[in-house]
Amino acid sequence: MRTSQSLSAVTILALSSVSAFAADLPVKAKAVEYVKVCSAYGAGFYYVPGTDTCLRLGGYMRFDTYINAVGTFNPMISSVANTGFTAPGAGVQGFPILTNKAPDYLTRARTVIDLDARTATDYGVLRSFTRIGGQWDSQASASGPAGGSLYFERAFIQFAGFTFGYTQSFFDTGIDYMFTTPYAGSNTWTSALAYTAQFGNGFSATLALEDAANRTTGVQFAPATGTFSGGAALTGLSGIGYTNYQDGQQAPEIVANLRLDQAWGTAMLSGALHQVAGITPVGTGGTTYLGENATDSWGWAVGGSLEIKLPMLAPGDSIYFQANYAEGALNYLGLSGNFQARATGLGSIDLNSGFASASGAYYPIADAIWNGTDYAKETGWAVQGQFRHFWMPNLRSALYAGYVKVDVPANATYSAANIALLPAAALFNAGYSVNVTQVGLNTIWSPVKNLDLGLEVIYSKVDGSLPATAGIISGTTTAGTLTAFGGSTDVWAGGFRAQRNF
């Protein structure tokens, strides 16, 4: 019995020794996959470990301060800049009305991340690009307090010549040396399905179907009005605007371009077709309720852009020109000062005195306007030029000048009853024109690589063919509906930007 117990003990000790010895043996470690540089697509790309996909991470952090402007240095001259016309507190407010409550400055901080992923395939490079982020605004929205929000700029896939997703409109070059988005000239982001054919030597052509929602200004049926009570105190007045009788989206934008990219610069011709669809008013053409019937036609736009590099003046110098014409497709002229919005009105009215004697300008604009039997398309043209000069490698300036004009045809906006109360409304019905003139200058200093500190100033003027008119078109002087149109106004705007790119 003792012998059996001894053998068992010896066996256990032997097995323990073997296990301990085995634990001390070297074990082959798993191979470590190091991040490798991907030089095929330029600087900053690295292979995603374990894949053949190259990825570049980038972005920027930006701080802006705007004076008499909103958004990205957008002067307070349009409905898109409504935040600037509306103070956070209560009272008379809203575009196009400016009072002593309107903010003189606004601030914004924004952070954006870029993700650019590319993979070589038998059909060429498969690319996906995303640019998203967040921002904080000192006045987040009209009548809104300070706050943060998400920011979305790009999300698209490119493969075998096709582009799918949200990107720069193929009508535009996307070139802009200014902080502001000029009111003269198209520069819009949109979702698109496009095909680009490359013919060699920098020559290409693109055909695209783009989301009409990002190009639709609207259609105007009735006057642009605001309601009020409280007599001269104008209690409850929150801006002036027209009811948009735009029909539902039925067809995308059809956009095409011919483009040439060379060492000396870029040239592009572009064209677009835009559906103009308006709901037929009740009582017209057998319509018994709003939305029963609609009428539609096609608007169109053409544009030309040219950028010429001027290294003979200084490395990095260049000059850029753009000219556009549109009928029933006003957003292709610019007019909004924003990549992602459409303006339905231009101007501002200073309401520091009584409404009837207020100074300033207001001109509603639309793709089409009701003429009594149908919607008549509005037309316009725009031209702009920009010049960028590098005083030193780390110090540059840009100069911008632009002019855009819209012609509104004869219409039936104001009724006979409206005209009886405000006779000048007959001038509006006879048709008018409105134009925006802008001149801007900025200077940007880069004390170290990827850091920009810049100042920009912009002069904007809204003018037109109608005299400044404001008055009541229904109700009484105590409570009712008022309207305004015509006049002229100008504003100096600008601000400061600090941006760190990576």
Protein backbone atom coordinates (compact mmCIF):
# COMPACT_ATOMS: atom_id res chain seq x y z
CA MET A 1 0.00 0.00 0.00
CA ARG A 2 2.75 2.40 0.87
CA THR A 3 4.57 1.44 -2.31
CA SER A 4 1.49 2.28 -4.38
CA GLN A 5 1.14 5.67 -2.66
CA SER A 6 4.83 6.42 -3.26
CA LEU A 7 4.55 5.62 -6.95
CA SER A 8 1.55 7.93 -7.26
CA ALA A 9 3.42 10.77 -5.59
CA VAL A 10 6.42 10.28 -7.87
CA THR A 11 4.16 10.28 -10.93
CA ILE A 12 2.47 13.55 -9.90
CA LEU A 13 5.81 15.23 -9.24
CA ALA A 14 7.11 14.07 -12.63
CA LEU A 15 4.11 15.39 -14.48
CA SER A 16 4.35 18.70 -12.63
CA SER A 17 8.00 19.04 -13.62
CA VAL A 18 7.18 18.34 -17.30
CA SER A 19 4.39 20.97 -17.24
CA ALA A 20 6.67 23.56 -15.66
CA PHE A 21 9.40 22.80 -18.19
CA ALA A 22 6.91 23.08 -21.10
CA ALA A 23 5.71 26.46 -19.80
CA ASP A 24 9.26 27.74 -19.97
CA LEU A 25 9.68 26.81 -23.64
CA PRO A 26 9.59 29.78 -26.09
CA VAL A 27 6.23 30.18 -27.87
CA LYS A 28 6.06 31.59 -31.43
CA ALA A 29 4.37 35.01 -31.22
CA LYS A 30 1.74 36.15 -33.72
CA ALA A 31 3.09 38.39 -36.43
CA VAL A 32 2.57 42.09 -35.72
CA GLU A 33 1.06 44.02 -38.63
CA TYR A 34 2.65 47.47 -38.78
CA VAL A 35 1.01 50.41 -40.51
CA LYS A 36 2.71 50.98 -43.84
CA VAL A 37 2.92 54.14 -45.96
CA CYS A 38 0.80 54.07 -49.13
CA SER A 39 2.52 56.29 -51.68
CA ALA A 40 0.19 55.54 -54.61
CA TYR A 41 -2.26 58.36 -53.85
CA GLY A 42 -0.03 61.08 -52.43
CA ALA A 43 1.12 62.15 -49.01
CA GLY A 44 -0.77 61.16 -45.87
CA PHE A 45 -2.13 57.79 -47.02
CA TYR A 46 -1.45 54.58 -45.06
CA TYR A 47 -2.51 50.99 -45.61
CA VAL A 48 -5.21 49.78 -43.27
CA PRO A 49 -3.50 46.78 -41.56
CA GLY A 50 -4.51 43.48 -43.11
CA THR A 51 -6.09 45.10 -46.20
CA ASP A 52 -5.14 46.62 -49.56
CA THR A 53 -7.08 49.81 -48.75
CA CYS A 54 -5.24 53.09 -48.28
CA LEU A 55 -6.69 55.61 -45.81
CA ARG A 56 -5.97 59.27 -45.18
CA LEU A 57 -7.21 61.05 -42.08
CA GLY A 58 -7.50 64.84 -42.22
CA GLY A 59 -9.69 67.77 -41.28
CA TYR A 60 -9.63 71.14 -39.63
CA MET A 61 -10.56 73.08 -36.51
CA ARG A 62 -11.89 76.59 -37.12
CA PHE A 63 -12.99 79.64 -35.15
CA ASP A 64 -14.91 82.47 -36.85
CA THR A 65 -16.17 85.84 -35.67
CA TYR A 66 -18.63 87.59 -38.01
CA ILE A 67 -19.52 91.28 -38.06
CA ASN A 68 -22.90 92.05 -39.70
CA ALA A 69 -22.82 88.53 -41.12
CA VAL A 70 -23.84 84.97 -40.29
CA GLY A 71 -22.78 81.47 -41.26
CA THR A 72 -19.60 81.48 -43.27
CA PHE A 73 -19.21 85.27 -43.55
CA ASN A 74 -22.63 85.60 -45.25
CA PRO A 75 -23.65 89.31 -45.15
CA MET A 76 -27.11 90.03 -43.72
CA ILE A 77 -28.79 90.72 -47.07
CA SER A 78 -30.93 87.62 -47.71
CA SER A 79 -33.45 85.24 -46.17
CA VAL A 80 -30.65 82.66 -45.81
CA ALA A 81 -29.05 84.99 -43.23
CA ASN A 82 -32.25 85.01 -41.13
CA THR A 83 -30.36 84.32 -37.89
CA GLY A 84 -28.80 87.76 -38.14
CA PHE A 85 -32.21 89.43 -38.38
CA THR A 86 -33.65 87.60 -35.39
CA ALA A 87 -32.40 88.33 -31.87
CA PRO A 88 -32.67 85.58 -29.21
CA GLY A 89 -35.31 87.55 -27.29
CA ALA A 90 -38.92 88.34 -28.20
CA GLY A 91 -40.12 91.31 -30.19
CA VAL A 92 -40.38 92.57 -33.76
CA GLN A 93 -37.92 90.47 -35.69
CA GLY A 94 -37.28 88.18 -38.68
CA PHE A 95 -35.99 88.72 -42.21
CA PRO A 96 -35.83 91.36 -43.69
CA ILE A 97 -36.39 93.42 -40.55
CA LEU A 98 -33.43 94.88 -38.66
CA THR A 99 -33.96 96.59 -35.30
CA ASN A 100 -31.69 97.66 -32.49
CA LYS A 101 -32.20 94.13 -31.11
CA ALA A 102 -30.42 92.51 -34.06
CA PRO A 103 -26.95 91.13 -33.22
CA ASP A 104 -23.90 93.06 -34.40
CA TYR A 105 -21.67 89.99 -34.26
CA LEU A 106 -21.88 86.20 -34.07
CA THR A 107 -19.26 83.52 -33.40
CA ARG A 108 -18.78 79.93 -34.47
CA ALA A 109 -16.36 77.11 -33.60
CA ARG A 110 -16.29 74.09 -35.94
CA THR A 111 -14.37 70.80 -36.02
CA VAL A 112 -14.39 68.59 -39.12
CA ILE A 113 -12.86 65.17 -39.82
CA ASP A 114 -12.01 63.84 -43.32
CA LEU A 115 -11.80 60.13 -44.13
CA ASP A 116 -10.50 59.34 -47.63
CA ALA A 117 -10.33 55.57 -48.40
CA ARG A 118 -8.96 54.26 -51.73
CA THR A 119 -8.46 50.75 -53.12
CA ALA A 120 -6.96 49.75 -56.46
CA THR A 121 -9.27 47.46 -58.49
CA ASP A 122 -9.42 46.03 -62.00
CA TYR A 123 -11.80 48.87 -62.88
CA GLY A 124 -9.66 51.65 -61.47
CA VAL A 125 -9.56 53.22 -58.02
CA LEU A 126 -12.50 52.65 -55.67
CA ARG A 127 -12.77 55.74 -53.48
CA SER A 128 -15.04 56.79 -50.63
CA PHE A 129 -14.81 60.18 -48.97
CA THR A 130 -16.54 61.48 -45.85
CA ARG A 131 -16.34 64.92 -44.23
CA ILE A 132 -18.39 65.36 -41.07
CA GLY A 133 -18.08 67.26 -37.81
CA GLY A 134 -19.78 69.47 -35.30
CA GLN A 135 -20.01 73.15 -34.44
CA TRP A 136 -21.01 75.60 -31.75
CA ASP A 137 -22.81 78.86 -32.64
CA SER A 138 -23.38 81.86 -30.42
CA GLN A 139 -26.89 82.00 -31.91
CA ALA A 140 -27.70 78.53 -33.14
CA SER A 141 -30.85 79.42 -35.10
CA ALA A 142 -33.43 82.14 -35.58
CA SER A 143 -34.67 83.06 -32.08
CA GLY A 144 -32.45 80.28 -30.75
CA PRO A 145 -29.85 80.47 -27.98
CA ALA A 146 -26.21 79.45 -28.25
CA GLY A 147 -25.68 75.76 -28.83
CA GLY A 148 -23.96 72.95 -30.67
CA SER A 149 -25.04 70.94 -33.70
CA LEU A 150 -23.78 68.32 -36.12
CA TYR A 151 -22.21 69.43 -39.40
CA PHE A 152 -22.34 67.43 -42.65
CA GLU A 153 -20.36 68.35 -45.75
CA ARG A 154 -19.37 65.37 -47.92
CA ALA A 155 -20.23 61.67 -48.31
CA PHE A 156 -19.64 60.07 -51.70
CA ILE A 157 -18.31 56.98 -53.51
CA GLN A 158 -16.34 57.07 -56.77
CA PHE A 159 -15.85 53.97 -58.93
CA ALA A 160 -15.12 53.37 -62.63
CA GLY A 161 -16.00 56.96 -63.53
CA PHE A 162 -19.20 57.05 -61.44
CA THR A 163 -19.86 59.30 -58.45
CA PHE A 164 -22.64 58.50 -55.96
CA GLY A 165 -23.45 60.65 -52.93
CA TYR A 166 -23.31 64.17 -51.53
CA THR A 167 -20.65 66.35 -53.16
CA GLN A 168 -19.98 69.54 -55.14
CA SER A 169 -22.50 70.12 -57.93
CA PHE A 170 -21.00 69.22 -61.30
CA PHE A 171 -22.27 72.56 -62.61
CA ASP A 172 -19.61 74.25 -60.44
CA THR A 173 -15.84 74.25 -60.13
CA GLY A 174 -15.96 74.78 -56.35
CA ILE A 175 -13.17 77.37 -56.59
CA ASP A 176 -13.33 80.22 -54.07
CA TYR A 177 -10.44 82.26 -52.62
CA MET A 178 -12.71 84.06 -50.15
CA PHE A 179 -14.08 83.06 -46.73
CA THR A 180 -17.54 84.14 -47.88
CA THR A 181 -19.55 82.37 -50.56
CA PRO A 182 -20.12 85.08 -53.22
CA TYR A 183 -23.69 86.05 -54.11
CA ALA A 184 -22.64 86.17 -57.78
CA GLY A 185 -21.88 82.71 -59.16
CA SER A 186 -22.95 79.16 -58.45
CA ASN A 187 -21.24 77.16 -55.68
CA THR A 188 -23.58 74.48 -54.33
CA TRP A 189 -23.28 71.09 -52.62
CA THR A 190 -25.83 68.45 -53.49
CA SER A 191 -26.46 64.72 -53.73
CA ALA A 192 -25.79 63.31 -57.19
CA LEU A 193 -25.46 60.30 -59.43
CA ALA A 194 -22.90 61.16 -62.09
CA TYR A 195 -20.59 59.66 -64.70
CA THR A 196 -17.34 61.32 -65.76
CA ALA A 197 -15.55 60.30 -68.94
CA GLN A 198 -11.82 61.02 -69.14
CA PHE A 199 -10.54 61.69 -72.68
CA GLY A 200 -6.88 62.27 -71.81
CA ASN A 201 -4.70 65.38 -71.69
CA GLY A 202 -6.85 66.76 -68.85
CA PHE A 203 -10.08 66.83 -70.88
CA SER A 204 -13.23 65.33 -69.33
CA ALA A 205 -17.02 65.41 -69.58
CA THR A 206 -19.64 64.69 -66.91
CA LEU A 207 -23.35 63.91 -67.02
CA ALA A 208 -25.12 64.05 -63.66
CA LEU A 209 -28.54 63.67 -62.08
CA GLU A 210 -28.61 65.93 -59.02
CA ASP A 211 -31.15 66.45 -56.26
CA ALA A 212 -33.55 69.23 -57.27
CA ALA A 213 -34.20 70.13 -53.62
CA ASN A 214 -30.80 71.83 -53.45
CA ARG A 215 -31.52 74.02 -56.49
CA THR A 216 -35.19 74.94 -55.99
CA THR A 217 -35.75 78.56 -54.97
CA GLY A 218 -39.56 78.25 -54.98
CA VAL A 219 -42.54 79.74 -56.80
CA GLN A 220 -44.40 82.87 -55.66
CA PHE A 221 -48.17 83.19 -55.88
CA ALA A 222 -49.25 85.80 -53.33
CA PRO A 223 -47.56 88.95 -51.97
CA ALA A 224 -44.74 88.70 -49.46
CA THR A 225 -46.43 89.71 -46.21
CA GLY A 226 -46.28 89.72 -42.44
CA THR A 227 -49.09 89.90 -39.88
CA PHE A 228 -49.12 92.22 -36.88
CA SER A 229 -51.23 93.53 -34.02
CA GLY A 230 -50.76 96.21 -31.43
CA GLY A 231 -50.84 99.16 -33.82
CA ALA A 232 -47.57 101.04 -34.32
CA ALA A 233 -45.87 98.62 -31.89
CA LEU A 234 -46.24 95.91 -34.57
CA THR A 235 -46.69 93.25 -31.91
CA GLY A 236 -46.20 89.74 -33.27
CA LEU A 237 -44.50 90.78 -36.49
CA SER A 238 -41.89 88.10 -37.26
CA GLY A 239 -40.59 88.84 -40.71
CA ILE A 240 -41.99 89.11 -44.22
CA GLY A 241 -42.14 86.35 -46.79
CA TYR A 242 -44.28 84.83 -49.51
CA THR A 243 -46.11 81.51 -49.49
CA ASN A 244 -44.22 79.03 -51.63
CA TYR A 245 -46.57 77.19 -54.02
CA GLN A 246 -43.80 74.80 -55.10
CA ASP A 247 -45.12 71.44 -56.26
CA GLY A 248 -43.54 68.20 -55.05
CA GLN A 249 -40.18 67.12 -56.42
CA GLN A 250 -40.72 64.95 -59.50
CA ALA A 251 -37.56 65.18 -61.60
CA PRO A 252 -33.89 65.65 -60.71
CA GLU A 253 -31.60 68.31 -62.10
CA ILE A 254 -29.95 67.23 -65.36
CA VAL A 255 -26.43 68.66 -65.30
CA ALA A 256 -23.56 68.33 -67.77
CA ASN A 257 -20.11 69.84 -68.11
CA LEU A 258 -17.02 69.88 -70.31
CA ARG A 259 -13.83 70.47 -68.33
CA LEU A 260 -10.16 71.01 -69.12
CA ASP A 261 -7.49 70.78 -66.40
CA GLN A 262 -3.99 71.86 -67.39
CA ALA A 263 -0.79 73.08 -65.77
CA TRP A 264 -1.86 76.63 -66.58
CA GLY A 265 -5.28 76.28 -64.90
CA THR A 266 -8.86 75.06 -65.39
CA ALA A 267 -11.64 75.88 -67.86
CA MET A 268 -15.20 74.56 -67.71
CA LEU A 269 -18.51 74.97 -69.55
CA SER A 270 -21.64 73.68 -67.83
CA GLY A 271 -25.38 73.49 -68.32
CA ALA A 272 -28.42 72.40 -66.34
CA LEU A 273 -32.13 71.68 -66.75
CA HIS A 274 -34.38 72.41 -63.77
CA GLN A 275 -38.05 71.51 -63.38
CA VAL A 276 -40.25 74.47 -62.41
CA ALA A 277 -43.44 73.07 -60.87
CA GLY A 278 -46.13 75.16 -59.14
CA ILE A 279 -49.42 74.23 -57.47
CA THR A 280 -52.38 75.68 -59.35
CA PRO A 281 -54.28 78.18 -57.15
CA VAL A 282 -57.83 77.38 -56.06
CA GLY A 283 -60.44 78.68 -58.52
CA THR A 284 -58.04 78.61 -61.48
CA GLY A 285 -58.33 76.05 -64.26
CA GLY A 286 -61.08 74.11 -62.50
CA THR A 287 -59.05 73.61 -59.29
CA THR A 288 -61.31 73.26 -56.26
CA TYR A 289 -58.70 72.62 -53.57
CA LEU A 290 -55.04 73.49 -53.17
CA GLY A 291 -52.86 70.68 -54.45
CA GLU A 292 -55.46 69.20 -56.78
CA ASN A 293 -53.62 70.37 -59.89
CA ALA A 294 -50.19 71.64 -60.77
CA THR A 295 -48.39 73.13 -63.72
CA ASP A 296 -44.77 72.57 -64.63
CA SER A 297 -42.19 73.52 -67.22
CA TRP A 298 -38.41 73.41 -67.48
CA GLY A 299 -35.98 76.10 -66.51
CA TRP A 300 -32.35 76.05 -67.51
CA ALA A 301 -28.94 77.54 -66.81
CA VAL A 302 -25.56 77.80 -68.52
CA GLY A 303 -22.23 78.77 -67.03
CA GLY A 304 -18.58 79.21 -67.78
CA SER A 305 -15.59 79.22 -65.41
CA LEU A 306 -11.90 79.91 -65.94
CA GLU A 307 -8.99 79.78 -63.50
CA ILE A 308 -5.53 80.87 -64.70
CA LYS A 309 -2.43 80.28 -62.61
CA LEU A 310 0.01 83.20 -62.47
CA PRO A 311 3.34 81.88 -61.17
CA MET A 312 5.13 84.65 -63.06
CA LEU A 313 3.77 87.08 -60.41
CA ALA A 314 4.42 84.83 -57.41
CA PRO A 315 4.18 81.08 -56.68
CA GLY A 316 0.54 80.25 -55.91
CA ASP A 317 -0.94 83.34 -57.59
CA SER A 318 -4.08 82.82 -59.69
CA ILE A 319 -7.14 84.58 -61.10
CA TYR A 320 -10.65 83.16 -61.44
CA PHE A 321 -13.72 84.19 -63.47
CA GLN A 322 -17.26 82.84 -63.57
CA ALA A 323 -20.30 83.91 -65.61
CA ASN A 324 -23.79 82.33 -65.52
CA TYR A 325 -27.23 82.85 -67.06
CA ALA A 326 -30.46 81.25 -65.83
CA GLU A 327 -34.16 81.17 -66.65
CA GLY A 328 -36.42 79.64 -64.01
CA ALA A 329 -33.38 78.29 -62.14
CA LEU A 330 -32.11 81.19 -60.04
CA ASN A 331 -29.92 79.18 -57.67
CA TYR A 332 -27.47 78.65 -60.53
CA LEU A 333 -26.75 82.39 -60.27
CA GLY A 334 -25.75 82.12 -56.59
CA LEU A 335 -27.86 84.64 -54.64
CA SER A 336 -27.74 82.87 -51.27
CA GLY A 337 -24.18 83.23 -49.92
CA ASN A 338 -24.44 79.61 -48.77
CA PHE A 339 -23.36 76.19 -50.12
CA GLN A 340 -26.51 74.48 -48.83
CA ALA A 341 -29.41 76.96 -48.95
CA ARG A 342 -31.60 78.93 -51.35
CA ALA A 343 -32.62 82.56 -50.80
CA THR A 344 -36.25 83.61 -51.37
CA GLY A 345 -35.62 87.30 -50.68
CA LEU A 346 -32.88 89.94 -50.83
CA GLY A 347 -32.32 93.08 -48.76
CA SER A 348 -32.91 94.40 -45.24
CA ILE A 349 -35.28 96.97 -43.72
CA ASP A 350 -34.18 99.19 -40.85
CA LEU A 351 -37.16 99.38 -38.50
CA ASN A 352 -35.79 101.90 -36.04
CA SER A 353 -38.58 104.21 -37.19
CA GLY A 354 -42.20 103.54 -38.14
CA PHE A 355 -42.77 100.76 -40.67
CA ALA A 356 -44.20 102.98 -43.40
CA SER A 357 -41.16 105.27 -43.24
CA ALA A 358 -38.57 102.53 -42.69
CA SER A 359 -35.46 102.61 -44.87
CA GLY A 360 -33.80 99.78 -46.73
CA ALA A 361 -34.74 97.27 -49.40
CA TYR A 362 -36.68 94.06 -49.87
CA TYR A 363 -37.13 92.10 -53.09
CA PRO A 364 -38.69 88.61 -53.12
CA ILE A 365 -37.15 86.25 -55.68
CA ALA A 366 -38.37 82.90 -57.01
CA ASP A 367 -37.89 80.52 -59.91
CA ALA A 368 -41.33 81.62 -61.16
CA ILE A 369 -44.17 83.98 -60.23
CA TRP A 370 -47.94 83.83 -60.83
CA ASN A 371 -49.05 85.96 -63.80
CA GLY A 372 -52.81 85.38 -63.52
CA THR A 373 -53.05 82.24 -65.65
CA ASP A 374 -49.73 80.43 -65.14
CA TYR A 375 -46.29 80.72 -63.55
CA ALA A 376 -43.87 82.97 -65.46
CA LYS A 377 -40.18 82.17 -65.05
CA GLU A 378 -37.77 84.73 -63.63
CA THR A 379 -34.44 85.22 -65.39
CA GLY A 380 -31.02 86.56 -64.44
CA TRP A 381 -27.29 86.62 -64.99
CA ALA A 382 -24.20 86.79 -62.81
CA VAL A 383 -20.51 87.53 -63.25
CA GLN A 384 -17.65 87.48 -60.75
CA GLY A 385 -13.88 87.63 -60.61
CA GLN A 386 -11.34 86.74 -57.91
CA PHE A 387 -7.60 87.33 -57.72
CA ARG A 388 -5.24 85.73 -55.19
CA HIS A 389 -1.71 86.97 -54.57
CA PHE A 390 1.02 85.59 -52.29
CA TRP A 391 3.05 88.47 -50.86
CA MET A 392 5.27 85.86 -49.22
CA PRO A 393 4.92 82.08 -49.00
CA ASN A 394 3.12 82.51 -45.66
CA LEU A 395 1.15 85.70 -46.45
CA ARG A 396 -1.57 85.98 -49.10
CA SER A 397 -4.51 88.19 -50.05
CA ALA A 398 -7.58 87.72 -52.24
CA LEU A 399 -9.77 90.31 -53.97
CA TYR A 400 -13.33 89.57 -55.12
CA ALA A 401 -15.88 91.55 -57.16
CA GLY A 402 -19.27 90.26 -58.30
CA TYR A 403 -22.58 91.38 -59.79
CA VAL A 404 -25.83 89.42 -60.13
CA LYS A 405 -29.14 90.65 -61.56
CA VAL A 406 -32.62 89.11 -61.54
CA ASP A 407 -35.50 90.18 -63.79
CA VAL A 408 -39.05 89.49 -62.56
CA PRO A 409 -41.74 89.53 -65.29
CA ALA A 410 -45.18 91.13 -65.14
CA ASN A 411 -47.33 89.27 -62.64
CA ALA A 412 -50.58 89.20 -60.70
CA THR A 413 -49.11 89.11 -57.21
CA TYR A 414 -51.18 91.96 -55.70
CA SER A 415 -54.97 91.92 -56.07
CA ALA A 416 -57.11 94.91 -56.94
CA ALA A 417 -58.06 95.18 -53.25
CA ASN A 418 -54.37 95.25 -52.27
CA ILE A 419 -53.64 97.98 -54.81
CA ALA A 420 -56.58 100.05 -53.55
CA LEU A 421 -54.90 100.19 -50.12
CA LEU A 422 -51.33 100.46 -51.47
CA PRO A 423 -51.33 101.97 -54.99
CA ALA A 424 -47.57 101.43 -55.47
CA ALA A 425 -48.28 97.68 -55.53
CA ALA A 426 -49.26 98.12 -59.17
CA LEU A 427 -45.59 98.85 -59.92
CA PHE A 428 -44.63 95.46 -58.49
CA ASN A 429 -47.20 93.72 -60.70
CA ALA A 430 -45.73 95.42 -63.76
CA GLY A 431 -42.43 93.60 -63.21
CA TYR A 432 -39.09 94.72 -61.78
CA SER A 433 -35.39 93.93 -61.51
CA VAL A 434 -33.10 93.53 -58.50
CA ASN A 435 -29.33 93.30 -58.36
CA VAL A 436 -26.59 92.57 -55.83
CA THR A 437 -23.13 94.13 -56.07
CA GLN A 438 -20.29 92.85 -53.90
CA VAL A 439 -16.62 93.70 -53.37
CA GLY A 440 -14.45 91.83 -50.87
CA LEU A 441 -10.85 91.63 -49.67
CA ASN A 442 -9.06 89.28 -47.31
CA THR A 443 -5.53 88.78 -46.01
CA ILE A 444 -4.35 85.49 -44.49
CA TRP A 445 -1.17 84.92 -42.52
CA SER A 446 0.22 81.43 -41.89
CA PRO A 447 2.83 81.81 -39.12
CA VAL A 448 3.45 78.04 -39.16
CA LYS A 449 2.46 75.29 -41.54
CA ASN A 450 -1.28 74.43 -41.58
CA LEU A 451 -2.32 77.40 -39.44
CA ASP A 452 -4.24 80.28 -41.08
CA LEU A 453 -5.12 83.57 -39.37
CA GLY A 454 -7.19 85.82 -41.60
CA LEU A 455 -9.28 88.97 -41.81
CA GLU A 456 -11.94 89.61 -44.45
CA VAL A 457 -14.14 92.59 -45.26
CA ILE A 458 -17.07 92.60 -47.73
CA TYR A 459 -19.22 95.41 -49.10
CA SER A 460 -22.65 94.33 -50.39
CA LYS A 461 -25.39 96.43 -51.99
CA VAL A 462 -28.93 95.37 -52.88
CA ASP A 463 -30.66 97.67 -55.37
CA GLY A 464 -33.52 97.47 -57.83
CA SER A 465 -36.00 99.23 -60.05
CA LEU A 466 -38.80 99.71 -57.51
CA PRO A 467 -39.16 102.59 -55.05
CA ALA A 468 -39.06 101.69 -51.38
CA THR A 469 -42.64 100.85 -50.46
CA ALA A 470 -44.18 99.58 -47.23
CA GLY A 471 -47.76 99.57 -46.04
CA ILE A 472 -50.93 97.71 -45.08
CA ILE A 473 -52.78 95.65 -47.69
CA SER A 474 -55.51 94.25 -45.43
CA GLY A 475 -56.96 94.92 -41.99
CA THR A 476 -56.56 98.18 -40.10
CA THR A 477 -53.73 100.21 -38.63
CA THR A 478 -54.32 98.35 -35.36
CA ALA A 479 -54.05 94.77 -36.66
CA GLY A 480 -53.66 93.36 -40.13
CA THR A 481 -51.33 92.33 -42.91
CA LEU A 482 -48.51 94.48 -44.18
CA THR A 483 -46.10 94.20 -47.08
CA ALA A 484 -42.90 95.79 -48.34
CA PHE A 485 -40.85 95.83 -51.53
CA GLY A 486 -38.33 97.92 -53.47
CA GLY A 487 -35.65 100.29 -52.24
CA SER A 488 -31.90 100.04 -51.81
CA THR A 489 -29.60 99.06 -48.97
CA ASP A 490 -25.96 98.24 -48.35
CA VAL A 491 -23.90 96.67 -45.60
CA TRP A 492 -20.25 96.34 -44.60
CA ALA A 493 -19.53 92.89 -43.23
CA GLY A 494 -16.63 90.58 -42.52
CA GLY A 495 -14.72 89.14 -39.64
CA PHE A 496 -11.80 87.08 -38.37
CA ARG A 497 -10.91 83.41 -38.89
CA ALA A 498 -8.38 81.11 -37.22
CA GLN A 499 -8.09 77.67 -38.82
CA ARG A 500 -5.78 74.76 -38.09
CA ASN A 501 -5.67 72.13 -40.88
CA PHE A 502 -4.32 68.62 -40.44
